[in-house]
Protein backbone atom coordinates (compact mmCIF):
# COMPACT_ATOMS: atom_id res chain seq x y z
CA MET A 1 2.13 3.56 -3.54
CA LEU A 2 3.78 2.93 -0.18
CA ALA A 3 3.07 -0.44 1.44
CA LEU A 4 3.37 -0.60 5.18
CA PRO A 5 3.58 -3.87 7.09
CA LEU A 6 0.65 -4.58 9.40
CA PRO A 7 0.90 -6.52 12.65
CA CYS A 8 0.13 -10.15 11.86
CA ALA A 9 -2.62 -10.42 14.51
CA ALA A 10 -4.35 -7.16 13.66
CA GLN A 11 -7.98 -6.98 12.61
CA VAL A 12 -8.08 -5.16 9.29
CA TYR A 13 -11.12 -3.70 7.52
CA SER A 14 -10.62 -3.00 3.82
CA TRP A 15 -12.89 -1.40 1.22
CA LYS A 16 -12.70 0.72 -1.90
CA ASP A 17 -13.56 4.38 -1.52
CA PRO A 18 -16.54 4.84 -3.88
CA GLN A 19 -15.49 8.37 -4.88
CA THR A 20 -11.80 7.79 -5.57
CA GLY A 21 -11.54 4.02 -6.10
CA THR A 22 -8.71 3.98 -3.57
CA LEU A 23 -8.28 0.87 -1.44
CA MET A 24 -8.81 1.89 2.18
CA MET A 25 -7.47 -0.16 5.11
CA SER A 26 -8.13 0.50 8.77
CA SER A 27 -8.14 -1.18 12.17
CA THR A 28 -11.53 0.44 12.78
CA PRO A 29 -14.60 -0.33 10.66
CA PRO A 30 -16.22 2.23 8.39
CA VAL A 31 -19.41 3.69 9.88
CA TRP A 32 -21.73 1.66 7.62
CA TYR A 33 -20.26 -1.76 8.57
CA SER A 34 -22.29 -4.29 10.55
CA ALA A 35 -21.48 -7.96 11.15
CA ARG A 36 -25.14 -8.75 11.93
CA ILE A 37 -27.12 -7.35 9.00
CA PRO A 38 -26.67 -6.88 5.24
CA VAL A 39 -24.53 -3.82 4.59
CA PRO A 40 -25.34 -1.14 2.01
CA GLY A 41 -22.40 0.64 0.47
CA PRO A 42 -18.99 -0.52 -0.72
CA ARG A 43 -17.86 -4.09 -0.10
CA ILE A 44 -15.98 -4.54 3.18
CA VAL A 45 -13.63 -7.43 3.89
CA VAL A 46 -12.58 -8.07 7.50
CA SER A 47 -9.33 -10.03 7.97
CA ILE A 48 -7.46 -11.35 10.98
CA ARG A 49 -4.00 -12.89 10.72
CA GLY A 50 -4.40 -12.92 6.93
CA ARG A 51 -7.71 -14.84 7.06
CA ASP A 52 -10.97 -13.31 5.85
CA VAL A 53 -13.53 -13.49 8.65
CA ASP A 54 -16.29 -11.41 7.03
CA ASP A 55 -17.04 -10.22 3.50
CA THR A 56 -20.11 -8.05 2.94
CA ALA A 57 -20.29 -9.11 -0.74
CA ARG A 58 -21.27 -12.63 0.34
CA PRO A 59 -24.83 -13.69 1.15
CA MET A 60 -25.75 -13.25 4.82
CA GLU A 61 -25.83 -17.03 5.37
CA GLU A 62 -22.20 -17.34 4.24
CA ARG A 63 -21.17 -14.37 6.38
CA GLN A 64 -22.78 -15.96 9.43
CA ALA A 65 -21.04 -19.28 8.68
CA MET A 66 -17.68 -17.47 8.52
CA GLN A 67 -18.41 -15.82 11.88
CA ARG A 68 -19.44 -19.15 13.47
CA ALA A 69 -16.17 -20.70 12.25
CA VAL A 70 -14.20 -17.91 13.95
CA ARG A 71 -16.08 -18.47 17.23
CA ALA A 72 -15.57 -22.26 16.98
CA GLU A 73 -11.81 -21.82 16.84
CA GLY A 74 -11.80 -21.32 20.60
CA PRO A 75 -10.04 -18.63 22.61
CA ARG A 76 -9.49 -15.47 20.66
CA ALA A 77 -6.06 -14.26 19.78
CA PRO A 78 -5.26 -10.61 20.54
CA ASN A 79 -7.19 -8.21 18.30
CA SER A 80 -9.72 -10.85 17.23
CA PRO A 81 -13.19 -9.49 16.56
CA VAL A 82 -16.04 -9.96 18.95
CA VAL A 83 -18.83 -11.28 16.75
CA ARG A 84 -22.24 -11.12 18.42
């Protein structure tokens, strides 16, 4: 498997493809992802600068706490998510 370096400030969505079991990584979210509601489908982890900022396997209360912590950090770095 070839590993490619990712920009350190990039927002990365990662999930396992349910049909192949392959780890997928993208700078754009899969179509079923939502930061505001529980998400059906494979687990999605959203990371920025190596820090997890959302994880759909966690209860919604924990996900919202993670998102509040990101907002509380102040001005966003480039490529930070806009969490509404």
